[in-house]
């Protein structure tokens, strides 16, 4: 396809964008110093700390691409596309849905150099939060190795050899490096690489603050790199609003990807960017489950093919995500089916039974989580195939955790165990005490995972609270069944309201059981004893 001149910039048909120019030089740091301090070359940050961040120049999402002059995709729904192609009218191919432009219609004034554009007060704030500091080179290498072995082998966020080469010569994007270290920190093996006194969660939280501050000032202008950074931040969740914040990070990554046209088929496809797009698609489906949100990517808007990577962990994760995309339909408004009774892909066809290692087991967890979600109804008078599959997957998750103590830093790990917990809880609510031991085991596992994931600890406390309520009902039922002259009075006091009435009557004598210790308040901002509130999105499978 031949480029045609436009009113502003260079425009190509959607099939072949012009090659992007090299990105601007990244912010450099010293890779060999012990303190690994990151400082601007021409304007080192002052040492006087700032108590709160002043307002710096904000990096606008719609003007970032102009800083790197990377081709921008303009869909035909946008009136701008008419003017971009008006200079060289030609017959349009209706299979194409837009044009490529090298510039925005109104190019903003060029940004000054990084060190000239940041107010001194904000540099002081960056210094006060340690935004220019990294772990020691040895610690960084350890965390980077964990990231590529446990995370990038499953979801290829970045190209390993390129990233390592840039890290070695101190040209790697600083926010991207922070994001990689942040994700790796939640792996149990990372403990020895973290700064003294830092836990996995505290290191991840402080590093996330550093990345947010650096992105806020526009230190990174390359849109592909920004897509990678925000996608990695989508794996970070901490506190009551953690899932919400992660969902917002993923939405930002998808925003950049759409602007770059990563979702569209092109004559020449960049393999790394193609994989990055499908990583976003997978994370989108997973986040939709975790947060109970609609998906942000519709397959009919995507024309870029899936990577040819048969037999890889990435290929297996894409196939499991395909299953999840089908299952999510059970949770859409207006759906009248609560069970997936169509043909179900066996696990052995996705992850070979002989496959070993934490990545293979993580894929098994992912598969069983989707399997649990495939049966939405909590009560089934006659066991259906999807119901039996749900029960078996819950037990399979317990077996996987019994055999493995260390897991990669993926949110699907606590999520899968949380789904197993809710499955056992639904059985207990029906009075089947055989699930009590499995339920308690699931709570204990989630409590252990709470070292790395706030969400896991919150779900464990919810589980413990639910079990206490069930025990109250059992005790109330036992008293109800006792003989004696007080039986009629108890029934009258309960108001003939069944189990709920008996429970209310029982709790008036034991008010402390009405609100288990550590539970304060209800609703969106519940506080699970020191852990804060909780997003229990994605638990609609209960």
Protein backbone atom coordinates (compact mmCIF):
# COMPACT_ATOMS: atom_id res chain seq x y z
CA UNK A 1 0.00 0.00 0.00
CA UNK A 2 1.28 3.46 -0.86
CA UNK A 3 1.23 6.33 1.59
CA UNK A 4 -0.94 9.27 0.59
CA UNK A 5 -0.45 12.85 1.72
CA UNK A 6 -3.02 14.28 4.11
CA UNK A 7 -3.87 17.62 5.58
CA UNK A 8 -1.66 16.99 8.58
CA UNK A 9 0.90 14.20 8.84
CA UNK A 10 1.21 11.04 6.81
CA UNK A 11 -1.75 8.72 6.36
CA UNK A 12 -1.81 5.08 5.33
CA UNK A 13 -4.68 2.72 4.80
CA UNK A 14 -5.38 0.51 7.79
CA UNK A 15 -3.50 -2.40 6.30
CA UNK A 16 0.00 -0.96 6.50
CA UNK A 17 1.05 1.77 8.96
CA UNK A 18 4.35 3.56 8.38
CA UNK A 19 7.26 2.28 10.45
CA UNK A 20 7.51 4.14 13.76
CA UNK A 21 10.57 6.30 14.42
CA UNK A 22 12.84 5.32 17.29
CA UNK A 23 11.48 6.41 20.69
CA UNK A 24 13.10 9.31 22.52
CA UNK A 25 16.02 8.50 24.79
CA UNK A 26 14.66 7.04 28.03
CA UNK A 27 15.44 8.35 31.47
CA UNK A 28 18.83 6.95 32.40
CA UNK A 29 20.00 5.51 35.66
CA UNK A 30 23.15 4.03 37.05
CA UNK A 31 23.10 0.25 36.85
CA UNK A 32 26.25 -0.29 38.85
CA UNK A 33 26.02 1.89 41.92
CA UNK A 34 25.12 0.32 45.24
CA UNK A 35 22.25 2.66 46.02
CA UNK A 36 20.93 2.51 42.45
CA UNK A 37 19.77 6.09 42.69
CA UNK A 38 17.96 7.43 39.65
CA UNK A 39 18.65 11.10 39.04
CA UNK A 40 18.10 13.43 36.08
CA UNK A 41 21.46 14.19 34.50
CA UNK A 42 21.05 17.96 34.27
CA UNK A 43 18.88 18.64 37.28
CA UNK A 44 19.27 16.24 40.23
CA UNK A 45 16.29 16.16 42.60
CA UNK A 46 16.69 18.23 45.75
CA UNK A 47 16.98 16.36 48.99
CA UNK A 48 14.34 18.46 50.77
CA UNK A 49 11.23 16.24 51.02
CA UNK A 50 7.83 17.49 49.97
CA UNK A 51 4.91 16.45 52.21
CA UNK A 52 2.40 16.19 49.39
CA UNK A 53 2.62 16.16 45.59
CA UNK A 54 2.17 19.49 43.83
CA UNK A 55 0.46 19.53 40.47
CA UNK A 56 2.93 18.82 37.65
CA UNK A 57 2.29 18.98 33.92
CA UNK A 58 -0.08 16.05 33.33
CA UNK A 59 0.60 13.64 30.48
CA UNK A 60 -2.59 13.72 28.43
CA UNK A 61 -3.56 10.34 26.99
CA UNK A 62 -4.60 11.87 23.69
CA UNK A 63 -1.35 13.78 23.11
CA UNK A 64 1.18 11.18 24.18
CA UNK A 65 1.50 9.71 20.71
CA UNK A 66 2.55 13.05 19.25
CA UNK A 67 5.64 13.06 21.44
CA UNK A 68 6.91 9.94 19.73
CA UNK A 69 5.31 10.57 16.31
CA UNK A 70 4.10 6.99 16.24
CA UNK A 71 1.29 6.33 13.74
CA UNK A 72 -2.13 6.71 15.31
CA UNK A 73 -5.18 4.76 14.21
CA UNK A 74 -8.28 6.80 13.38
CA UNK A 75 -11.48 4.80 12.92
CA UNK A 76 -13.98 5.66 10.21
CA UNK A 77 -16.56 6.56 12.86
CA UNK A 78 -14.34 9.54 13.68
CA UNK A 79 -15.11 12.52 11.34
CA UNK A 80 -11.38 13.26 11.38
CA UNK A 81 -10.81 10.30 9.06
CA UNK A 82 -12.69 12.06 6.24
CA UNK A 83 -10.28 14.99 6.24
CA UNK A 84 -7.23 12.79 6.70
CA UNK A 85 -8.01 10.99 3.44
CA UNK A 86 -9.45 13.90 1.48
CA UNK A 87 -6.10 14.92 -0.02
CA UNK A 88 -5.96 11.73 -2.06
CA UNK A 89 -9.47 10.35 -2.66
CA UNK A 90 -9.56 6.69 -3.63
CA UNK A 91 -11.90 3.74 -3.55
CA UNK A 92 -12.22 2.56 0.04
CA UNK A 93 -12.04 -1.09 0.97
CA UNK A 94 -15.02 -1.68 3.25
CA UNK A 95 -13.13 -4.40 5.11
CA UNK A 96 -10.86 -1.67 6.45
CA UNK A 97 -12.26 0.33 9.34
CA UNK A 98 -10.01 3.40 9.45
CA UNK A 99 -6.79 5.09 8.49
CA UNK A 100 -3.37 5.62 10.03
CA UNK A 101 -2.16 9.11 10.85
CA UNK A 102 1.29 10.16 11.99
CA UNK A 103 -0.04 13.16 13.92
CA UNK A 104 -3.13 14.38 15.70
CA UNK A 105 -5.24 17.02 13.93
CA UNK A 106 -4.01 19.76 16.25
CA UNK A 107 -0.42 19.20 17.26
CA UNK A 108 0.29 20.64 20.71
CA UNK A 109 3.46 22.59 21.37
CA UNK A 110 6.45 20.27 21.69
CA UNK A 111 7.28 19.21 25.21
CA UNK A 112 10.49 20.50 26.67
CA UNK A 113 13.16 18.12 27.85
CA UNK A 114 12.21 16.12 30.91
CA UNK A 115 14.49 17.89 33.34
CA UNK A 116 13.35 21.31 32.10
CA UNK A 117 9.66 20.52 32.30
CA UNK A 118 9.25 19.33 35.89
CA UNK A 119 8.75 21.95 38.59
CA UNK A 120 11.36 21.80 41.31
CA UNK A 121 8.67 21.29 43.94
CA UNK A 122 7.49 18.12 42.21
CA UNK A 123 11.05 16.86 41.88
CA UNK A 124 11.24 17.27 45.65
CA UNK A 125 8.11 15.16 46.01
CA UNK A 126 9.54 12.47 43.73
CA UNK A 127 12.66 12.43 45.85
CA UNK A 128 10.62 12.18 49.06
CA UNK A 129 8.87 8.98 47.88
CA UNK A 130 12.07 7.51 46.44
CA UNK A 131 10.80 7.55 42.88
CA UNK A 132 14.40 7.71 41.64
CA UNK A 133 15.59 4.78 43.75
CA UNK A 134 15.75 1.10 42.94
CA UNK A 135 16.94 -2.03 44.75
CA UNK A 136 20.59 -2.93 44.41
CA UNK A 137 21.77 -4.32 41.06
CA UNK A 138 21.98 -7.83 42.53
CA UNK A 139 18.45 -7.61 43.89
CA UNK A 140 17.16 -6.25 40.60
CA UNK A 141 18.71 -9.12 38.68
CA UNK A 142 17.10 -11.60 41.06
CA UNK A 143 13.66 -10.05 40.71
CA UNK A 144 13.98 -9.75 36.95
CA UNK A 145 14.91 -13.43 36.66
CA UNK A 146 11.87 -14.38 38.74
CA UNK A 147 9.66 -12.22 36.54
CA UNK A 148 10.76 -13.84 33.30
CA UNK A 149 10.63 -17.37 34.71
CA UNK A 150 7.26 -17.12 36.49
CA UNK A 151 5.32 -14.35 34.76
CA UNK A 152 6.59 -13.54 31.30
CA UNK A 153 6.78 -17.21 30.32
CA UNK A 154 3.01 -17.36 30.75
CA UNK A 155 2.05 -13.86 29.60
CA UNK A 156 4.70 -12.20 27.39
CA UNK A 157 4.47 -8.59 28.56
CA UNK A 158 7.96 -7.67 27.35
CA UNK A 159 10.66 -9.12 25.12
CA UNK A 160 13.21 -10.64 27.46
CA UNK A 161 16.44 -10.13 25.52
CA UNK A 162 15.55 -6.54 24.65
CA UNK A 163 14.62 -5.71 28.23
CA UNK A 164 17.77 -7.30 29.68
CA UNK A 165 19.98 -5.52 27.16
CA UNK A 166 18.41 -2.17 27.98
CA UNK A 167 18.74 -2.85 31.69
CA UNK A 168 22.40 -3.74 31.26
CA UNK A 169 23.25 -0.50 29.46
CA UNK A 170 20.99 1.65 31.69
CA UNK A 171 18.54 2.65 28.95
CA UNK A 172 15.49 0.72 30.13
CA UNK A 173 12.35 2.71 30.83
CA UNK A 174 12.36 3.51 34.55
CA UNK A 175 8.59 3.10 35.10
CA UNK A 176 8.68 -0.17 33.16
CA UNK A 177 11.54 -1.45 35.30
CA UNK A 178 9.64 -0.46 38.45
CA UNK A 179 6.55 -2.29 37.17
CA UNK A 180 8.51 -5.48 36.46
CA UNK A 181 10.03 -5.44 39.95
CA UNK A 182 6.62 -4.73 41.49
CA UNK A 183 5.02 -7.78 39.88
CA UNK A 184 7.92 -10.09 40.73
CA UNK A 185 7.90 -9.01 44.39
CA UNK A 186 4.76 -11.04 45.16
CA UNK A 187 6.52 -14.31 44.37
CA UNK A 188 7.58 -16.07 47.61
CA UNK A 189 11.10 -16.55 46.20
CA UNK A 190 11.49 -12.77 45.96
CA UNK A 191 11.73 -12.26 49.73
CA UNK A 192 15.54 -12.41 49.73
CA UNK A 193 15.72 -9.76 47.00
CA UNK A 194 13.53 -7.15 48.71
CA UNK A 195 14.96 -4.25 50.73
CA UNK A 196 15.52 -5.00 54.42
CA UNK A 197 12.28 -4.80 56.38
CA UNK A 198 10.06 -4.70 53.30
CA UNK A 199 7.32 -7.24 52.77
CA UNK A 200 6.04 -8.26 49.37
CA UNK A 201 2.90 -6.18 49.75
CA UNK A 202 4.59 -3.10 51.18
CA UNK A 203 7.26 -3.14 48.45
CA UNK A 204 4.60 -3.54 45.77
CA UNK A 205 2.52 -0.70 47.22
CA UNK A 206 5.40 1.77 47.48
CA UNK A 207 6.67 0.84 44.02
CA UNK A 208 3.20 1.35 42.56
CA UNK A 209 3.20 4.85 44.06
CA UNK A 210 6.54 5.56 42.39
CA UNK A 211 5.27 4.42 39.00
CA UNK A 212 2.10 6.49 39.35
CA UNK A 213 4.11 9.62 40.21
CA UNK A 214 6.55 9.12 37.32
CA UNK A 215 3.76 8.50 34.82
CA UNK A 216 1.91 11.55 36.09
CA UNK A 217 4.72 13.83 35.02
CA UNK A 218 4.99 12.20 31.60
CA UNK A 219 8.43 10.68 32.04
CA UNK A 220 7.45 7.90 29.62
CA UNK A 221 6.05 9.01 26.25
CA UNK A 222 6.27 5.87 24.14
CA UNK A 223 2.78 4.46 23.86
CA UNK A 224 3.76 0.81 23.48
CA UNK A 225 5.88 1.06 26.62
CA UNK A 226 2.99 2.75 28.42
CA UNK A 227 0.74 -0.10 27.37
CA UNK A 228 3.15 -2.59 28.91
CA UNK A 229 3.46 -0.58 32.12
CA UNK A 230 -0.27 -0.22 32.69
CA UNK A 231 -0.82 -3.89 31.83
CA UNK A 232 1.72 -4.90 34.48
CA UNK A 233 0.12 -2.55 37.00
CA UNK A 234 -3.16 -4.38 36.37
CA UNK A 235 -1.61 -7.33 38.23
CA UNK A 236 -1.22 -5.15 41.33
CA UNK A 237 -4.10 -5.05 43.79
CA UNK A 238 -3.89 -3.77 47.34
CA UNK A 239 -6.55 -2.72 49.82
CA UNK A 240 -10.32 -2.26 49.49
CA UNK A 241 -10.01 -0.44 46.17
CA UNK A 242 -7.30 -2.69 44.78
CA UNK A 243 -9.38 -4.52 42.20
CA UNK A 244 -10.95 -1.24 41.11
CA UNK A 245 -7.53 0.36 40.64
CA UNK A 246 -6.23 -2.67 38.74
CA UNK A 247 -9.24 -2.53 36.43
CA UNK A 248 -8.54 1.15 35.74
CA UNK A 249 -4.90 0.38 34.91
CA UNK A 250 -5.99 -2.28 32.44
CA UNK A 251 -8.49 0.09 30.85
CA UNK A 252 -5.68 2.60 30.33
CA UNK A 253 -3.49 -0.07 28.73
CA UNK A 254 -6.32 -1.03 26.37
CA UNK A 255 -6.89 2.66 25.57
CA UNK A 256 -3.29 3.00 24.40
CA UNK A 257 -3.49 -0.27 22.47
CA UNK A 258 -6.60 0.86 20.61
CA UNK A 259 -4.93 4.16 19.72
CA UNK A 260 -1.96 2.24 18.34
CA UNK A 261 -4.23 -0.11 16.40
CA UNK A 262 -2.72 -3.18 18.06
CA UNK A 263 -6.11 -4.89 17.75
CA UNK A 264 -6.09 -4.69 13.95
CA UNK A 265 -4.61 -6.98 11.34
CA UNK A 266 -1.78 -5.44 9.33
CA UNK A 267 0.26 -6.53 6.35
CA UNK A 268 3.36 -6.68 8.55
CA UNK A 269 2.66 -7.71 12.13
CA UNK A 270 5.08 -6.97 14.93
CA UNK A 271 5.20 -10.24 16.89
CA UNK A 272 5.85 -8.59 20.26
CA UNK A 273 2.99 -6.15 19.84
CA UNK A 274 0.70 -8.92 18.63
CA UNK A 275 1.42 -10.92 21.78
CA UNK A 276 0.96 -7.82 23.90
CA UNK A 277 -2.52 -7.30 22.50
CA UNK A 278 -3.60 -10.86 23.35
CA UNK A 279 -2.12 -10.48 26.84
CA UNK A 280 -4.46 -7.51 27.27
CA UNK A 281 -7.38 -9.55 26.01
CA UNK A 282 -6.68 -12.32 28.49
CA UNK A 283 -6.30 -9.87 31.38
CA UNK A 284 -9.54 -8.19 30.36
CA UNK A 285 -11.52 -11.42 30.72
CA UNK A 286 -9.81 -12.23 34.00
CA UNK A 287 -10.46 -8.75 35.40
CA UNK A 288 -14.09 -8.99 34.34
CA UNK A 289 -14.36 -12.10 36.51
CA UNK A 290 -12.41 -10.71 39.46
CA UNK A 291 -14.39 -7.46 39.58
CA UNK A 292 -17.74 -8.65 38.28
CA UNK A 293 -17.51 -6.14 35.41
CA UNK A 294 -18.38 -6.29 31.72
CA UNK A 295 -15.46 -7.11 29.46
CA UNK A 296 -13.77 -4.14 27.81
CA UNK A 297 -12.73 -5.89 24.58
CA UNK A 298 -15.28 -7.27 22.13
CA UNK A 299 -13.94 -9.95 19.82
CA UNK A 300 -15.85 -8.56 16.83
CA UNK A 301 -13.74 -5.39 17.07
CA UNK A 302 -10.50 -7.38 16.81
CA UNK A 303 -8.93 -8.50 13.54
CA UNK A 304 -5.32 -9.19 14.54
CA UNK A 305 -4.84 -12.97 14.57
CA UNK A 306 -3.79 -14.86 17.66
CA UNK A 307 -0.07 -15.68 17.73
CA UNK A 308 0.98 -18.99 16.29
CA UNK A 309 2.41 -20.48 19.46
CA UNK A 310 1.04 -24.01 19.68
CA UNK A 311 2.37 -25.99 22.61
CA UNK A 312 3.44 -22.95 24.65
CA UNK A 313 2.08 -21.85 28.01
CA UNK A 314 0.83 -18.69 26.37
CA UNK A 315 -1.20 -20.71 23.88
CA UNK A 316 -2.74 -22.73 26.72
CA UNK A 317 -3.64 -19.56 28.61
CA UNK A 318 -5.35 -18.15 25.49
CA UNK A 319 -7.40 -21.32 25.06
CA UNK A 320 -8.51 -21.27 28.70
CA UNK A 321 -9.42 -17.60 28.32
CA UNK A 322 -11.55 -18.54 25.32
CA UNK A 323 -13.47 -20.88 27.64
CA UNK A 324 -13.80 -18.10 30.22
CA UNK A 325 -15.17 -15.73 27.56
CA UNK A 326 -17.94 -18.25 26.84
CA UNK A 327 -18.67 -18.77 30.53
CA UNK A 328 -18.92 -15.04 31.21
CA UNK A 329 -22.03 -15.04 29.00
CA UNK A 330 -23.83 -16.87 31.85
CA UNK A 331 -23.46 -13.74 33.98
CA UNK A 332 -24.77 -11.17 31.51
CA UNK A 333 -28.08 -9.38 32.03
CA UNK A 334 -31.04 -11.20 30.57
CA UNK A 335 -29.35 -14.57 30.50
CA UNK A 336 -31.68 -17.34 31.64
CA UNK A 337 -29.16 -20.18 31.72
CA UNK A 338 -27.16 -20.73 34.89
CA UNK A 339 -25.12 -23.72 33.78
CA UNK A 340 -22.72 -24.53 30.95
CA UNK A 341 -23.83 -27.95 29.82
CA UNK A 342 -22.29 -27.87 26.35
CA UNK A 343 -19.14 -29.80 25.51
CA UNK A 344 -16.37 -29.02 27.97
CA UNK A 345 -12.69 -29.12 27.01
CA UNK A 346 -10.73 -31.53 29.25
CA UNK A 347 -7.76 -30.18 31.17
CA UNK A 348 -5.38 -32.76 29.70
CA UNK A 349 -5.82 -31.27 26.22
CA UNK A 350 -4.64 -27.89 27.50
CA UNK A 351 -2.00 -28.77 30.07
CA UNK A 352 -0.40 -32.22 29.67
CA UNK A 353 -0.64 -34.39 32.77
CA UNK A 354 3.13 -34.83 32.68
CA UNK A 355 3.77 -31.08 32.73
CA UNK A 356 5.35 -29.94 35.98
CA UNK A 357 6.31 -26.63 37.53
CA UNK A 358 4.58 -23.58 38.92
CA UNK A 359 3.50 -22.20 35.55
CA UNK A 360 1.78 -25.46 34.60
CA UNK A 361 0.04 -25.59 37.98
CA UNK A 362 -1.05 -21.97 37.62
CA UNK A 363 -2.72 -22.84 34.33
CA UNK A 364 -4.45 -25.73 36.08
CA UNK A 365 -5.72 -23.32 38.73
CA UNK A 366 -6.98 -21.01 35.99
CA UNK A 367 -8.78 -23.89 34.30
CA UNK A 368 -10.47 -25.03 37.50
CA UNK A 369 -11.53 -21.47 38.31
CA UNK A 370 -13.28 -21.27 34.93
CA UNK A 371 -14.80 -24.69 35.59
CA UNK A 372 -16.32 -23.48 38.88
CA UNK A 373 -17.71 -20.41 37.15
CA UNK A 374 -19.40 -22.60 34.54
CA UNK A 375 -22.06 -23.52 37.12
CA UNK A 376 -23.69 -20.39 38.45
CA UNK A 377 -26.63 -21.80 40.41
CA UNK A 378 -25.71 -22.43 44.09
CA UNK A 379 -28.43 -25.04 44.59
CA UNK A 380 -29.16 -27.90 42.24
CA UNK A 381 -31.73 -30.50 43.28
CA UNK A 382 -30.46 -32.96 40.65
CA UNK A 383 -26.69 -32.84 40.12
CA UNK A 384 -25.88 -31.77 36.59
CA UNK A 385 -22.58 -32.28 34.75
CA UNK A 386 -21.61 -28.66 35.38
CA UNK A 387 -22.44 -28.98 39.09
CA UNK A 388 -20.34 -32.11 39.47
CA UNK A 389 -17.57 -30.43 37.51
CA UNK A 390 -17.72 -27.48 39.90
CA UNK A 391 -17.35 -29.75 42.94
CA UNK A 392 -14.47 -31.67 41.40
CA UNK A 393 -12.65 -28.48 40.42
CA UNK A 394 -12.97 -27.09 43.95
CA UNK A 395 -11.36 -30.24 45.34
CA UNK A 396 -8.72 -30.18 42.59
CA UNK A 397 -7.74 -26.66 43.65
CA UNK A 398 -7.26 -27.88 47.21
CA UNK A 399 -5.05 -30.70 45.97
CA UNK A 400 -2.94 -28.32 43.92
CA UNK A 401 -2.34 -26.10 46.94
CA UNK A 402 -1.54 -29.09 49.11
CA UNK A 403 1.19 -30.09 46.66
CA UNK A 404 2.63 -26.61 46.07
CA UNK A 405 3.42 -23.85 48.56
CA UNK A 406 4.92 -21.25 46.21
CA UNK A 407 2.90 -19.71 43.41
CA UNK A 408 3.61 -17.17 40.65
CA UNK A 409 2.38 -13.62 41.32
CA UNK A 410 -0.89 -13.88 39.36
CA UNK A 411 -4.21 -12.73 40.85
CA UNK A 412 -5.82 -15.90 39.52
CA UNK A 413 -4.08 -17.75 42.39
CA UNK A 414 -6.11 -16.21 45.27
CA UNK A 415 -9.14 -15.93 43.00
CA UNK A 416 -9.23 -19.66 42.27
CA UNK A 417 -9.02 -20.52 45.95
CA UNK A 418 -11.74 -17.98 46.73
CA UNK A 419 -14.03 -19.68 44.22
CA UNK A 420 -13.29 -23.05 45.83
CA UNK A 421 -14.15 -21.52 49.22
CA UNK A 422 -17.53 -20.31 47.99
CA UNK A 423 -18.25 -23.74 46.51
CA UNK A 424 -17.68 -25.44 49.87
CA UNK A 425 -19.74 -22.75 51.57
CA UNK A 426 -22.73 -23.38 49.31
CA UNK A 427 -22.55 -27.06 50.29
CA UNK A 428 -22.39 -26.22 53.99
CA UNK A 429 -25.42 -23.97 53.68
CA UNK A 430 -27.42 -26.94 52.49
CA UNK A 431 -26.53 -28.77 55.70
CA UNK A 432 -23.94 -31.12 54.21
CA UNK A 433 -21.28 -31.19 56.91
CA UNK A 434 -18.83 -33.23 54.84
CA UNK A 435 -17.56 -30.03 53.23
CA UNK A 436 -16.61 -28.41 56.54
CA UNK A 437 -13.04 -29.73 56.55
CA UNK A 438 -12.47 -28.54 52.97
CA UNK A 439 -13.97 -25.17 53.83
CA UNK A 440 -11.64 -24.70 56.79
CA UNK A 441 -8.65 -25.78 54.69
CA UNK A 442 -9.56 -23.21 52.06
CA UNK A 443 -9.72 -20.49 54.73
CA UNK A 444 -6.29 -21.47 56.03
CA UNK A 445 -4.78 -21.39 52.53
CA UNK A 446 -6.27 -17.97 51.85
CA UNK A 447 -4.90 -16.71 55.16
CA UNK A 448 -1.43 -17.84 54.08
CA UNK A 449 -1.90 -16.16 50.68
CA UNK A 450 -2.80 -12.99 52.54
CA UNK A 451 0.93 -12.44 52.98
CA UNK A 452 1.06 -11.56 49.29
CA UNK A 453 -2.53 -10.61 48.39
CA UNK A 454 -4.84 -8.40 50.42
CA UNK A 455 -7.81 -9.92 48.59
CA UNK A 456 -6.93 -13.40 49.86
CA UNK A 457 -6.83 -12.32 53.49
CA UNK A 458 -10.14 -10.49 53.11
CA UNK A 459 -11.81 -13.55 51.60
CA UNK A 460 -10.45 -15.73 54.40
CA UNK A 461 -12.05 -13.44 56.98
CA UNK A 462 -15.31 -13.47 55.08
CA UNK A 463 -15.15 -17.25 55.09
CA UNK A 464 -14.49 -17.42 58.82
CA UNK A 465 -17.38 -15.05 59.44
CA UNK A 466 -19.69 -17.12 57.27
CA UNK A 467 -18.73 -20.27 59.14
CA UNK A 468 -19.52 -18.61 62.47
CA UNK A 469 -22.97 -17.69 61.19
CA UNK A 470 -23.57 -21.27 60.12
CA UNK A 471 -22.49 -22.46 63.57
CA UNK A 472 -25.00 -20.06 65.12
CA UNK A 473 -27.75 -21.59 63.02
CA UNK A 474 -26.68 -25.08 63.97
CA UNK A 475 -26.68 -24.19 67.67
CA UNK A 476 -30.07 -22.51 67.34
CA UNK A 477 -31.43 -25.57 65.58
CA UNK A 478 -30.11 -27.85 68.31
CA UNK A 479 -31.89 -25.78 70.98
CA UNK A 480 -35.05 -25.78 68.93
CA UNK A 481 -35.04 -29.55 68.80
CA UNK A 482 -34.54 -29.95 72.54
CA UNK A 483 -37.60 -31.12 74.45
CA UNK A 484 -39.01 -29.50 77.55
CA UNK A 485 -41.55 -26.94 78.46
CA UNK A 486 -39.61 -24.10 76.87
CA UNK A 487 -39.96 -25.43 73.35
CA UNK A 488 -43.30 -23.78 72.68
CA UNK A 489 -42.05 -20.47 74.05
CA UNK A 490 -38.99 -20.64 71.81
CA UNK A 491 -41.13 -21.23 68.75
CA UNK A 492 -43.41 -18.36 69.69
CA UNK A 493 -40.42 -16.06 70.30
CA UNK A 494 -39.01 -16.99 66.91
CA UNK A 495 -42.26 -15.90 65.34
CA UNK A 496 -42.55 -19.12 63.33
CA UNK A 497 -40.03 -17.64 60.88
CA UNK A 498 -38.05 -20.81 60.29
CA UNK A 499 -34.26 -20.86 60.62
CA UNK A 500 -33.91 -17.08 60.43
CA UNK A 501 -36.36 -16.63 63.28
CA UNK A 502 -34.64 -19.26 65.40
CA UNK A 503 -31.27 -17.63 64.69
CA UNK A 504 -32.57 -14.22 65.73
CA UNK A 505 -33.98 -15.68 68.91
CA UNK A 506 -30.68 -17.42 69.69
CA UNK A 507 -28.56 -14.32 69.02
CA UNK A 508 -30.46 -12.25 71.58
CA UNK A 509 -28.80 -14.37 74.26
CA UNK A 510 -25.36 -14.33 72.55
CA UNK A 511 -25.11 -10.89 70.89
CA UNK A 512 -21.34 -11.17 70.34
CA UNK A 513 -21.98 -13.87 67.73
CA UNK A 514 -24.12 -11.50 65.67
CA UNK A 515 -20.99 -9.63 64.54
CA UNK A 516 -17.89 -11.85 64.63
CA UNK A 517 -14.73 -10.22 65.95
CA UNK A 518 -12.87 -8.30 63.28
CA UNK A 519 -15.90 -7.41 61.18
CA UNK A 520 -16.97 -3.80 61.14
CA UNK A 521 -19.74 -2.38 59.02
CA UNK A 522 -21.39 -3.67 55.90
CA UNK A 523 -21.73 -2.70 52.30
CA UNK A 524 -19.10 -1.54 49.86
CA UNK A 525 -16.69 -0.41 52.54
CA UNK A 526 -16.67 -3.37 54.89
CA UNK A 527 -13.62 -3.79 57.04
CA UNK A 528 -12.32 -7.28 57.63
CA UNK A 529 -10.37 -6.65 60.79
CA UNK A 530 -7.32 -4.64 59.93
CA UNK A 531 -7.50 -5.52 56.26
CA UNK A 532 -9.96 -2.90 55.18
CA UNK A 533 -12.85 -3.33 52.87
CA UNK A 534 -13.21 -5.63 50.07
CA UNK A 535 -14.04 -6.11 46.59
CA UNK A 536 -15.63 -9.45 46.28
CA UNK A 537 -16.30 -8.95 42.63
CA UNK A 538 -16.15 -12.13 40.68
CA UNK A 539 -17.88 -14.08 43.42
CA UNK A 540 -21.10 -14.17 41.49
CA UNK A 541 -20.49 -17.86 41.03
CA UNK A 542 -21.57 -18.44 44.60
